[in-house]
Amino acid sequence: MTLVSNLPTGADVAVPSPETPSQTHGKRKRRGRVSPLTYTVLSFMAFISIFPFYWMYVVASNGSDVISKIPPSLTPGPHFGEVFSRIINADTTNHWMFLHAILNTFEVSAIIAISNVFFSALAGFALAKLRVPGKKNMLTFIVGTMMMPAQLGVIFMYMVMTWLNWISSYKALIIPALVGAFGVFWMRQLIDSQVPNELLEAARIDGASSFRTFSRIVFPAIRPAAFVLGLFSFLGTWNDYLWPSLVLQDPRKYTVQVAITQLSNSYTVDYQAIMGAALLGTAPLLVLFIFVGRRLVAGVMEGAVKG
């Protein structure tokens, strides 16, 4: 029996001609072209992001007569050095130093960020991969707490801190913020989607404990997203005002946001000093973002794509 092939011969097959370098370059150019509207929107977003910092510098460097003019002046003045000196030497009247307040805030924010990452990832691993009785109910409760404003628990927390004698202590800031509901939920979702069960089973067969599995397999897989969580925790603690203003009654332990409010009194508001202090208090965050901005974007995108 003879089999006759109906496949086309080499002469009948149309072979696409290779693209010339000019054609390839043209396609890349069209694909990478950005419309003028995109430039306009990005320029506007950059302007509204940068202008507040410039305005703080303008207010801090000008006198009160220039600030109160209508329309206001947008030109920086020559008094920023004087205002800066007045801010960092404010301990002569208020018994605290603004630079010391920045160090206090950095210390508290760093501790909370590290602890939040560790405990959130650990809890997320337990809820995602371990056999924990009632873990679905736990996750539902954790998500439910995210829907309640934090201000509702301020009075009760203050009563607890008073009973523990933690008022004017950093314990009142750090202990309640060791772990957050958002961090636990986010880490649980990431671990559940990014870490395969087969890998964990192989680790258990090799005799690895749950904590060793977490530290050697799970945490390295979620490290970029954990870095983002730590950065968010750091920024949230740095900018927190309500709770530190209630529990920190010792001026030597003030954080940045509480220290800024001490630059005004019951009769006058020193806008120059407040704006200058706000600019100085924001400067460390700007420096931090310059160094970790790329890792921040990478971590957010990884969580969005894989989560």
C-alpha atoms as a PDB file:
ATOM      1  CA  MET A   1       0.000   0.000   0.000  1.00  0.00           C
ATOM      2  CA  THR A   2       1.397   3.339  -1.001  1.00  0.00           C
ATOM      3  CA  LEU A   3       0.972   6.381   1.234  1.00  0.00           C
ATOM      4  CA  VAL A   4       0.780   9.623  -0.654  1.00  0.00           C
ATOM      5  CA  SER A   5       1.705  12.683   1.347  1.00  0.00           C
ATOM      6  CA  ASN A   6      -0.354  15.778   0.791  1.00  0.00           C
ATOM      7  CA  LEU A   7       2.097  18.020   2.573  1.00  0.00           C
ATOM      8  CA  PRO A   8       3.313  20.946   0.486  1.00  0.00           C
ATOM      9  CA  THR A   9       6.780  20.760  -0.888  1.00  0.00           C
ATOM     10  CA  GLY A  10       9.510  23.197  -0.040  1.00  0.00           C
ATOM     11  CA  ALA A  11       8.730  25.254  -3.110  1.00  0.00           C
ATOM     12  CA  ASP A  12       5.129  25.707  -1.970  1.00  0.00           C
ATOM     13  CA  VAL A  13       5.909  26.805   1.593  1.00  0.00           C
ATOM     14  CA  ALA A  14       6.096  30.559   2.037  1.00  0.00           C
ATOM     15  CA  VAL A  15       9.133  31.344   4.144  1.00  0.00           C
ATOM     16  CA  PRO A  16       8.916  34.779   5.775  1.00  0.00           C
ATOM     17  CA  SER A  17      11.758  37.014   4.833  1.00  0.00           C
ATOM     18  CA  PRO A  18      13.920  38.194   7.703  1.00  0.00           C
ATOM     19  CA  GLU A  19      13.299  41.720   8.891  1.00  0.00           C
ATOM     20  CA  THR A  20      15.912  44.278   8.132  1.00  0.00           C
ATOM     21  CA  PRO A  21      17.471  46.229  11.021  1.00  0.00           C
ATOM     22  CA  SER A  22      15.610  49.354   9.935  1.00  0.00           C
ATOM     23  CA  GLN A  23      12.244  47.550  10.121  1.00  0.00           C
ATOM     24  CA  THR A  24      13.030  46.147  13.568  1.00  0.00           C
ATOM     25  CA  HIS A  25      14.115  49.571  14.800  1.00  0.00           C
ATOM     26  CA  GLY A  26      10.928  51.104  13.416  1.00  0.00           C
ATOM     27  CA  LYS A  27       8.729  48.606  15.266  1.00  0.00           C
ATOM     28  CA  ARG A  28      10.585  49.183  18.515  1.00  0.00           C
ATOM     29  CA  LYS A  29      10.276  52.928  18.054  1.00  0.00           C
ATOM     30  CA  ARG A  30       6.522  52.719  17.462  1.00  0.00           C
ATOM     31  CA  ARG A  31       6.089  50.360  20.394  1.00  0.00           C
ATOM     32  CA  GLY A  32       8.080  52.635  22.738  1.00  0.00           C
ATOM     33  CA  ARG A  33       6.507  55.892  21.587  1.00  0.00           C
ATOM     34  CA  VAL A  34       4.803  57.882  24.342  1.00  0.00           C
ATOM     35  CA  SER A  35       1.909  60.169  23.522  1.00  0.00           C
ATOM     36  CA  PRO A  36       1.969  63.869  24.485  1.00  0.00           C
ATOM     37  CA  LEU A  37      -1.010  63.237  26.777  1.00  0.00           C
ATOM     38  CA  THR A  38       1.071  60.793  28.807  1.00  0.00           C
ATOM     39  CA  TYR A  39       3.836  63.374  29.195  1.00  0.00           C
ATOM     40  CA  THR A  40       1.262  65.964  30.246  1.00  0.00           C
ATOM     41  CA  VAL A  41      -0.309  63.724  32.883  1.00  0.00           C
ATOM     42  CA  LEU A  42       3.072  62.618  34.257  1.00  0.00           C
ATOM     43  CA  SER A  43       4.307  66.218  34.384  1.00  0.00           C
ATOM     44  CA  PHE A  44       1.187  67.294  36.258  1.00  0.00           C
ATOM     45  CA  MET A  45       1.544  64.431  38.757  1.00  0.00           C
ATOM     46  CA  ALA A  46       5.207  65.286  39.290  1.00  0.00           C
ATOM     47  CA  PHE A  47       4.293  68.931  39.873  1.00  0.00           C
ATOM     48  CA  ILE A  48       1.625  68.229  42.499  1.00  0.00           C
ATOM     49  CA  SER A  49       4.046  65.823  44.217  1.00  0.00           C
ATOM     50  CA  ILE A  50       7.013  68.205  44.337  1.00  0.00           C
ATOM     51  CA  PHE A  51       5.270  71.533  44.896  1.00  0.00           C
ATOM     52  CA  PRO A  52       4.340  70.906  48.593  1.00  0.00           C
ATOM     53  CA  PHE A  53       8.019  70.458  49.468  1.00  0.00           C
ATOM     54  CA  TYR A  54       8.925  73.603  47.579  1.00  0.00           C
ATOM     55  CA  TRP A  55       6.118  75.507  49.312  1.00  0.00           C
ATOM     56  CA  MET A  56       7.324  74.354  52.740  1.00  0.00           C
ATOM     57  CA  TYR A  57      10.765  75.701  51.888  1.00  0.00           C
ATOM     58  CA  VAL A  58       9.289  79.016  50.665  1.00  0.00           C
ATOM     59  CA  VAL A  59       7.280  79.511  53.866  1.00  0.00           C
ATOM     60  CA  ALA A  60      10.181  78.496  56.107  1.00  0.00           C
ATOM     61  CA  SER A  61      12.621  80.855  54.395  1.00  0.00           C
ATOM     62  CA  ASN A  62      10.423  83.978  54.280  1.00  0.00           C
ATOM     63  CA  GLY A  63       9.240  86.383  56.936  1.00  0.00           C
ATOM     64  CA  SER A  64       5.697  86.626  58.275  1.00  0.00           C
ATOM     65  CA  ASP A  65       4.961  89.710  56.170  1.00  0.00           C
ATOM     66  CA  VAL A  66       5.820  87.853  52.955  1.00  0.00           C
ATOM     67  CA  ILE A  67       3.797  84.786  53.930  1.00  0.00           C
ATOM     68  CA  SER A  68       0.644  86.789  54.645  1.00  0.00           C
ATOM     69  CA  LYS A  69       0.662  88.585  51.283  1.00  0.00           C
ATOM     70  CA  ILE A  70      -2.141  87.937  48.790  1.00  0.00           C
ATOM     71  CA  PRO A  71      -1.252  86.566  46.319  1.00  0.00           C
ATOM     72  CA  PRO A  72       1.530  84.774  48.198  1.00  0.00           C
ATOM     73  CA  SER A  73       5.116  84.983  47.082  1.00  0.00           C
ATOM     74  CA  LEU A  74       6.571  81.861  45.471  1.00  0.00           C
ATOM     75  CA  THR A  75      10.175  83.008  45.798  1.00  0.00           C
ATOM     76  CA  PRO A  76      12.323  81.539  48.606  1.00  0.00           C
ATOM     77  CA  GLY A  77      13.662  83.986  51.159  1.00  0.00           C
ATOM     78  CA  PRO A  78      16.991  84.269  52.994  1.00  0.00           C
ATOM     79  CA  HIS A  79      15.850  83.172  56.469  1.00  0.00           C
ATOM     80  CA  PHE A  80      15.897  79.379  56.255  1.00  0.00           C
ATOM     81  CA  GLY A  81      19.210  79.107  58.116  1.00  0.00           C
ATOM     82  CA  GLU A  82      17.811  81.204  60.945  1.00  0.00           C
ATOM     83  CA  VAL A  83      14.654  79.096  61.105  1.00  0.00           C
ATOM     84  CA  PHE A  84      16.698  75.889  61.012  1.00  0.00           C
ATOM     85  CA  SER A  85      18.796  77.077  63.942  1.00  0.00           C
ATOM     86  CA  ARG A  86      15.651  78.002  65.860  1.00  0.00           C
ATOM     87  CA  ILE A  87      14.196  74.545  65.289  1.00  0.00           C
ATOM     88  CA  ILE A  88      17.174  72.451  66.372  1.00  0.00           C
ATOM     89  CA  ASN A  89      17.799  74.657  69.421  1.00  0.00           C
ATOM     90  CA  ALA A  90      14.188  74.636  70.592  1.00  0.00           C
ATOM     91  CA  ASP A  91      15.113  72.626  73.692  1.00  0.00           C
ATOM     92  CA  THR A  92      15.970  75.882  75.520  1.00  0.00           C
ATOM     93  CA  THR A  93      12.252  76.533  75.981  1.00  0.00           C
ATOM     94  CA  ASN A  94      10.548  73.172  75.405  1.00  0.00           C
ATOM     95  CA  HIS A  95      13.181  70.807  76.866  1.00  0.00           C
ATOM     96  CA  TRP A  96      13.491  68.709  73.740  1.00  0.00           C
ATOM     97  CA  MET A  97      15.593  68.716  70.609  1.00  0.00           C
ATOM     98  CA  PHE A  98      14.040  68.268  67.177  1.00  0.00           C
ATOM     99  CA  LEU A  99      16.943  66.217  65.856  1.00  0.00           C
ATOM    100  CA  HIS A 100      16.603  63.956  68.880  1.00  0.00           C
ATOM    101  CA  ALA A 101      12.914  63.571  68.031  1.00  0.00           C
ATOM    102  CA  ILE A 102      13.917  62.417  64.541  1.00  0.00           C
ATOM    103  CA  LEU A 103      16.191  59.776  66.068  1.00  0.00           C
ATOM    104  CA  ASN A 104      13.385  58.676  68.393  1.00  0.00           C
ATOM    105  CA  THR A 105      11.030  58.308  65.447  1.00  0.00           C
ATOM    106  CA  PHE A 106      13.588  56.370  63.414  1.00  0.00           C
ATOM    107  CA  GLU A 107      14.205  53.954  66.270  1.00  0.00           C
ATOM    108  CA  VAL A 108      10.511  53.278  66.912  1.00  0.00           C
ATOM    109  CA  SER A 109       9.668  53.040  63.197  1.00  0.00           C
ATOM    110  CA  ALA A 110      12.507  50.596  62.486  1.00  0.00           C
ATOM    111  CA  ILE A 111      11.539  48.296  65.361  1.00  0.00           C
ATOM    112  CA  ILE A 112       7.873  48.273  64.349  1.00  0.00           C
ATOM    113  CA  ALA A 113       8.709  47.684  60.675  1.00  0.00           C
ATOM    114  CA  ILE A 114      10.972  44.706  61.407  1.00  0.00           C
ATOM    115  CA  SER A 115       8.572  43.140  63.902  1.00  0.00           C
ATOM    116  CA  ASN A 116       5.589  43.689  61.606  1.00  0.00           C
ATOM    117  CA  VAL A 117       7.323  41.916  58.736  1.00  0.00           C
ATOM    118  CA  PHE A 118       8.442  38.986  60.881  1.00  0.00           C
ATOM    119  CA  PHE A 119       5.196  38.331  62.746  1.00  0.00           C
ATOM    120  CA  SER A 120       2.954  39.047  59.751  1.00  0.00           C
ATOM    121  CA  ALA A 121       4.910  36.638  57.552  1.00  0.00           C
ATOM    122  CA  LEU A 122       4.937  34.019  60.310  1.00  0.00           C
ATOM    123  CA  ALA A 123       1.186  34.309  60.876  1.00  0.00           C
ATOM    124  CA  GLY A 124       0.535  34.350  57.139  1.00  0.00           C
ATOM    125  CA  PHE A 125       2.549  31.146  56.737  1.00  0.00           C
ATOM    126  CA  ALA A 126       0.547  29.449  59.488  1.00  0.00           C
ATOM    127  CA  LEU A 127      -2.788  30.517  58.000  1.00  0.00           C
ATOM    128  CA  ALA A 128      -1.792  29.554  54.464  1.00  0.00           C
ATOM    129  CA  LYS A 129       0.161  26.316  54.783  1.00  0.00           C
ATOM    130  CA  LEU A 130      -0.132  24.811  58.270  1.00  0.00           C
ATOM    131  CA  ARG A 131      -2.980  22.755  59.669  1.00  0.00           C
ATOM    132  CA  VAL A 132      -4.341  25.187  62.221  1.00  0.00           C
ATOM    133  CA  PRO A 133      -7.787  24.454  63.722  1.00  0.00           C
ATOM    134  CA  GLY A 134     -10.255  27.209  62.882  1.00  0.00           C
ATOM    135  CA  LYS A 135      -7.858  29.141  60.657  1.00  0.00           C
ATOM    136  CA  LYS A 136     -10.659  30.165  58.292  1.00  0.00           C
ATOM    137  CA  ASN A 137     -12.511  31.781  61.176  1.00  0.00           C
ATOM    138  CA  MET A 138      -9.275  33.445  62.271  1.00  0.00           C
ATOM    139  CA  LEU A 139      -8.742  34.873  58.796  1.00  0.00           C
ATOM    140  CA  THR A 140     -12.328  36.136  58.693  1.00  0.00           C
ATOM    141  CA  PHE A 141     -11.846  37.842  62.058  1.00  0.00           C
ATOM    142  CA  ILE A 142      -8.553  39.409  60.925  1.00  0.00           C
ATOM    143  CA  VAL A 143     -10.128  40.778  57.754  1.00  0.00           C
ATOM    144  CA  GLY A 144     -13.074  42.053  59.800  1.00  0.00           C
ATOM    145  CA  THR A 145     -10.791  44.104  62.042  1.00  0.00           C
ATOM    146  CA  MET A 146      -9.503  45.913  58.954  1.00  0.00           C
ATOM    147  CA  MET A 147     -12.984  47.370  58.447  1.00  0.00           C
ATOM    148  CA  MET A 148     -13.032  49.108  61.833  1.00  0.00           C
ATOM    149  CA  PRO A 149     -11.377  52.519  62.315  1.00  0.00           C
ATOM    150  CA  ALA A 150      -8.378  52.410  64.609  1.00  0.00           C
ATOM    151  CA  GLN A 151      -9.696  55.456  66.471  1.00  0.00           C
ATOM    152  CA  LEU A 152     -12.479  53.343  68.007  1.00  0.00           C
ATOM    153  CA  GLY A 153      -9.988  51.515  70.203  1.00  0.00           C
ATOM    154  CA  VAL A 154      -7.955  54.506  71.342  1.00  0.00           C
ATOM    155  CA  ILE A 155      -9.742  54.991  74.680  1.00  0.00           C
ATOM    156  CA  PHE A 156      -9.567  51.310  75.599  1.00  0.00           C
ATOM    157  CA  MET A 157      -5.906  51.092  74.567  1.00  0.00           C
ATOM    158  CA  TYR A 158      -5.082  54.164  76.636  1.00  0.00           C
ATOM    159  CA  MET A 159      -6.762  52.575  79.681  1.00  0.00           C
ATOM    160  CA  VAL A 160      -4.717  49.412  79.157  1.00  0.00           C
ATOM    161  CA  MET A 161      -1.472  51.380  78.794  1.00  0.00           C
ATOM    162  CA  THR A 162      -2.280  53.266  82.006  1.00  0.00           C
ATOM    163  CA  TRP A 163      -2.970  50.008  83.846  1.00  0.00           C
ATOM    164  CA  LEU A 164       0.355  48.594  82.602  1.00  0.00           C
ATOM    165  CA  ASN A 165       2.132  51.833  83.576  1.00  0.00           C
ATOM    166  CA  TRP A 166       3.430  52.249  80.020  1.00  0.00           C
ATOM    167  CA  ILE A 167       2.461  55.895  79.560  1.00  0.00           C
ATOM    168  CA  SER A 168       5.470  57.948  78.358  1.00  0.00           C
ATOM    169  CA  SER A 169       7.179  54.699  77.370  1.00  0.00           C
ATOM    170  CA  TYR A 170       8.008  53.437  73.898  1.00  0.00           C
ATOM    171  CA  LYS A 171       6.352  50.154  74.876  1.00  0.00           C
ATOM    172  CA  ALA A 172       3.007  51.889  74.384  1.00  0.00           C
ATOM    173  CA  LEU A 173       3.976  52.595  70.769  1.00  0.00           C
ATOM    174  CA  ILE A 174       5.778  49.380  69.872  1.00  0.00           C
ATOM    175  CA  ILE A 175       3.838  46.546  71.538  1.00  0.00           C
ATOM    176  CA  PRO A 176       0.391  47.313  69.999  1.00  0.00           C
ATOM    177  CA  ALA A 177       2.002  47.671  66.550  1.00  0.00           C
ATOM    178  CA  LEU A 178       4.088  44.487  66.526  1.00  0.00           C
ATOM    179  CA  VAL A 179       1.745  42.943  63.957  1.00  0.00           C
ATOM    180  CA  GLY A 180      -1.076  44.318  61.822  1.00  0.00           C
ATOM    181  CA  ALA A 181      -4.152  42.779  60.224  1.00  0.00           C
ATOM    182  CA  PHE A 182      -3.273  44.055  56.761  1.00  0.00           C
ATOM    183  CA  GLY A 183       0.215  42.560  56.931  1.00  0.00           C
ATOM    184  CA  VAL A 184      -1.079  39.152  58.031  1.00  0.00           C
ATOM    185  CA  PHE A 185      -3.706  39.081  55.287  1.00  0.00           C
ATOM    186  CA  TRP A 186      -1.266  40.202  52.589  1.00  0.00           C
ATOM    187  CA  MET A 187       1.433  37.728  53.605  1.00  0.00           C
ATOM    188  CA  ARG A 188      -1.134  34.924  53.783  1.00  0.00           C
ATOM    189  CA  GLN A 189      -2.309  35.613  50.245  1.00  0.00           C
ATOM    190  CA  LEU A 190       1.246  35.823  48.902  1.00  0.00           C
ATOM    191  CA  ILE A 191       2.433  32.637  50.574  1.00  0.00           C
ATOM    192  CA  ASP A 192      -0.653  30.740  49.477  1.00  0.00           C
ATOM    193  CA  SER A 193      -0.093  31.713  45.835  1.00  0.00           C
ATOM    194  CA  GLN A 194       3.706  31.755  45.537  1.00  0.00           C
ATOM    195  CA  VAL A 195       4.920  28.816  47.630  1.00  0.00           C
ATOM    196  CA  PRO A 196       3.979  25.385  46.184  1.00  0.00           C
ATOM    197  CA  ASN A 197       2.828  22.716  48.619  1.00  0.00           C
ATOM    198  CA  GLU A 198       5.154  20.163  47.011  1.00  0.00           C
ATOM    199  CA  LEU A 199       8.166  22.195  48.090  1.00  0.00           C
ATOM    200  CA  LEU A 200       6.968  22.266  51.689  1.00  0.00           C
ATOM    201  CA  GLU A 201       6.231  18.536  51.650  1.00  0.00           C
ATOM    202  CA  ALA A 202       9.762  17.861  50.422  1.00  0.00           C
ATOM    203  CA  ALA A 203      11.144  19.944  53.287  1.00  0.00           C
ATOM    204  CA  ARG A 204       9.042  18.008  55.816  1.00  0.00           C
ATOM    205  CA  ILE A 205      10.236  14.693  54.392  1.00  0.00           C
ATOM    206  CA  ASP A 206      13.824  15.896  54.835  1.00  0.00           C
ATOM    207  CA  GLY A 207      13.054  16.515  58.506  1.00  0.00           C
ATOM    208  CA  ALA A 208      12.860  20.314  58.462  1.00  0.00           C
ATOM    209  CA  SER A 209      10.793  21.886  61.219  1.00  0.00           C
ATOM    210  CA  SER A 210       8.018  24.364  60.449  1.00  0.00           C
ATOM    211  CA  PHE A 211      10.151  27.332  61.476  1.00  0.00           C
ATOM    212  CA  ARG A 212      13.121  26.114  59.440  1.00  0.00           C
ATOM    213  CA  THR A 213      10.825  25.659  56.448  1.00  0.00           C
ATOM    214  CA  PHE A 214       9.561  29.185  56.952  1.00  0.00           C
ATOM    215  CA  SER A 215      13.009  30.757  57.293  1.00  0.00           C
ATOM    216  CA  ARG A 216      14.743  28.810  54.489  1.00  0.00           C
ATOM    217  CA  ILE A 217      11.987  28.378  51.895  1.00  0.00           C
ATOM    218  CA  VAL A 218       8.940  30.556  52.515  1.00  0.00           C
ATOM    219  CA  PHE A 219      10.464  33.869  53.547  1.00  0.00           C
ATOM    220  CA  PRO A 220      13.027  34.037  50.689  1.00  0.00           C
ATOM    221  CA  ALA A 221      10.166  33.510  48.233  1.00  0.00           C
ATOM    222  CA  ILE A 222       8.218  36.514  49.574  1.00  0.00           C
ATOM    223  CA  ARG A 223      11.183  38.742  50.419  1.00  0.00           C
ATOM    224  CA  PRO A 224      10.397  41.556  47.912  1.00  0.00           C
ATOM    225  CA  ALA A 225       6.808  41.858  49.130  1.00  0.00           C
ATOM    226  CA  ALA A 226       7.956  41.619  52.751  1.00  0.00           C
ATOM    227  CA  PHE A 227      10.308  44.522  52.085  1.00  0.00           C
ATOM    228  CA  VAL A 228       7.371  46.580  50.814  1.00  0.00           C
ATOM    229  CA  LEU A 229       5.342  45.704  53.918  1.00  0.00           C
ATOM    230  CA  GLY A 230       8.219  46.796  56.125  1.00  0.00           C
ATOM    231  CA  LEU A 231       8.532  50.068  54.248  1.00  0.00           C
ATOM    232  CA  PHE A 232       4.805  50.754  54.551  1.00  0.00           C
ATOM    233  CA  SER A 233       4.977  50.019  58.285  1.00  0.00           C
ATOM    234  CA  PHE A 234       7.967  52.332  58.643  1.00  0.00           C
ATOM    235  CA  LEU A 235       6.212  55.186  56.837  1.00  0.00           C
ATOM    236  CA  GLY A 236       2.977  54.685  58.765  1.00  0.00           C
ATOM    237  CA  THR A 237       4.775  54.810  62.106  1.00  0.00           C
ATOM    238  CA  TRP A 238       6.850  57.819  61.053  1.00  0.00           C
ATOM    239  CA  ASN A 239       3.730  59.796  60.127  1.00  0.00           C
ATOM    240  CA  ASP A 240       1.604  58.685  63.081  1.00  0.00           C
ATOM    241  CA  TYR A 241       0.469  61.513  65.325  1.00  0.00           C
ATOM    242  CA  LEU A 242      -2.694  60.651  67.281  1.00  0.00           C
ATOM    243  CA  TRP A 243      -1.475  57.746  69.387  1.00  0.00           C
ATOM    244  CA  PRO A 244       2.039  59.129  70.125  1.00  0.00           C
ATOM    245  CA  SER A 245       0.511  62.469  71.152  1.00  0.00           C
ATOM    246  CA  LEU A 246      -1.619  60.660  73.748  1.00  0.00           C
ATOM    247  CA  VAL A 247       0.923  58.307  75.320  1.00  0.00           C
ATOM    248  CA  LEU A 248       4.190  60.272  75.018  1.00  0.00           C
ATOM    249  CA  GLN A 249       4.072  62.838  77.803  1.00  0.00           C
ATOM    250  CA  ASP A 250       7.835  63.075  78.307  1.00  0.00           C
ATOM    251  CA  PRO A 251       9.258  65.726  75.918  1.00  0.00           C
ATOM    252  CA  ARG A 252      12.531  63.795  75.675  1.00  0.00           C
ATOM    253  CA  LYS A 253      10.676  60.924  73.997  1.00  0.00           C
ATOM    254  CA  TYR A 254       8.659  62.926  71.479  1.00  0.00           C
ATOM    255  CA  THR A 255       8.436  61.667  67.919  1.00  0.00           C
ATOM    256  CA  VAL A 256       8.665  63.987  64.913  1.00  0.00           C
ATOM    257  CA  GLN A 257       4.948  64.622  64.481  1.00  0.00           C
ATOM    258  CA  VAL A 258       4.465  65.401  68.175  1.00  0.00           C
ATOM    259  CA  ALA A 259       7.564  67.597  68.252  1.00  0.00           C
ATOM    260  CA  ILE A 260       6.294  69.707  65.347  1.00  0.00           C
ATOM    261  CA  THR A 261       3.160  70.646  67.285  1.00  0.00           C
ATOM    262  CA  GLN A 262       5.293  71.980  70.141  1.00  0.00           C
ATOM    263  CA  LEU A 263       6.579  74.777  67.906  1.00  0.00           C
ATOM    264  CA  SER A 264       3.309  76.663  68.401  1.00  0.00           C
ATOM    265  CA  ASN A 265       1.725  77.813  71.633  1.00  0.00           C
ATOM    266  CA  SER A 266      -1.710  78.921  72.774  1.00  0.00           C
ATOM    267  CA  TYR A 267      -1.300  82.468  71.439  1.00  0.00           C
ATOM    268  CA  THR A 268       0.749  82.310  68.250  1.00  0.00           C
ATOM    269  CA  VAL A 269       1.478  79.857  65.458  1.00  0.00           C
ATOM    270  CA  ASP A 270       5.028  79.983  64.115  1.00  0.00           C
ATOM    271  CA  TYR A 271       4.349  78.969  60.524  1.00  0.00           C
ATOM    272  CA  GLN A 272       7.989  79.375  59.555  1.00  0.00           C
ATOM    273  CA  ALA A 273       9.189  76.965  62.232  1.00  0.00           C
ATOM    274  CA  ILE A 274       6.364  74.486  61.612  1.00  0.00           C
ATOM    275  CA  MET A 275       6.999  74.369  57.863  1.00  0.00           C
ATOM    276  CA  GLY A 276      10.746  74.141  58.383  1.00  0.00           C
ATOM    277  CA  ALA A 277      10.309  71.321  60.895  1.00  0.00           C
ATOM    278  CA  ALA A 278       7.912  69.516  58.554  1.00  0.00           C
ATOM    279  CA  LEU A 279      10.477  69.790  55.761  1.00  0.00           C
ATOM    280  CA  LEU A 280      13.251  68.464  57.994  1.00  0.00           C
ATOM    281  CA  GLY A 281      11.007  65.672  59.232  1.00  0.00           C
ATOM    282  CA  THR A 282      10.194  64.653  55.661  1.00  0.00           C
ATOM    283  CA  ALA A 283      13.792  64.766  54.405  1.00  0.00           C
ATOM    284  CA  PRO A 284      14.784  61.326  55.825  1.00  0.00           C
ATOM    285  CA  LEU A 285      11.813  59.744  54.046  1.00  0.00           C
ATOM    286  CA  LEU A 286      12.831  61.345  50.754  1.00  0.00           C
ATOM    287  CA  VAL A 287      16.373  60.033  51.132  1.00  0.00           C
ATOM    288  CA  LEU A 288      15.001  56.596  51.980  1.00  0.00           C
ATOM    289  CA  PHE A 289      12.777  56.569  48.902  1.00  0.00           C
ATOM    290  CA  ILE A 290      15.701  57.559  46.658  1.00  0.00           C
ATOM    291  CA  PHE A 291      17.602  54.444  47.734  1.00  0.00           C
ATOM    292  CA  VAL A 292      14.733  51.942  47.894  1.00  0.00           C
ATOM    293  CA  GLY A 293      12.271  53.319  45.333  1.00  0.00           C
ATOM    294  CA  ARG A 294      13.136  50.716  42.710  1.00  0.00           C
ATOM    295  CA  ARG A 295      12.803  47.841  45.174  1.00  0.00           C
ATOM    296  CA  LEU A 296       9.490  49.287  46.334  1.00  0.00           C
ATOM    297  CA  VAL A 297       8.057  49.252  42.817  1.00  0.00           C
ATOM    298  CA  ALA A 298       9.428  45.755  42.175  1.00  0.00           C
ATOM    299  CA  GLY A 299       7.865  44.417  45.364  1.00  0.00           C
ATOM    300  CA  VAL A 300       4.482  45.979  44.652  1.00  0.00           C
ATOM    301  CA  MET A 301       4.471  44.660  41.077  1.00  0.00           C
ATOM    302  CA  GLU A 302       5.465  41.164  42.223  1.00  0.00           C
ATOM    303  CA  GLY A 303       2.620  41.094  44.709  1.00  0.00           C
ATOM    304  CA  ALA A 304       0.189  42.366  42.064  1.00  0.00           C
ATOM    305  CA  VAL A 305       1.247  39.824  39.429  1.00  0.00           C
ATOM    306  CA  LYS A 306       1.725  36.732  41.568  1.00  0.00           C
ATOM    307  CA  GLY A 307      -0.638  37.476  44.441  1.00  0.00           C
END
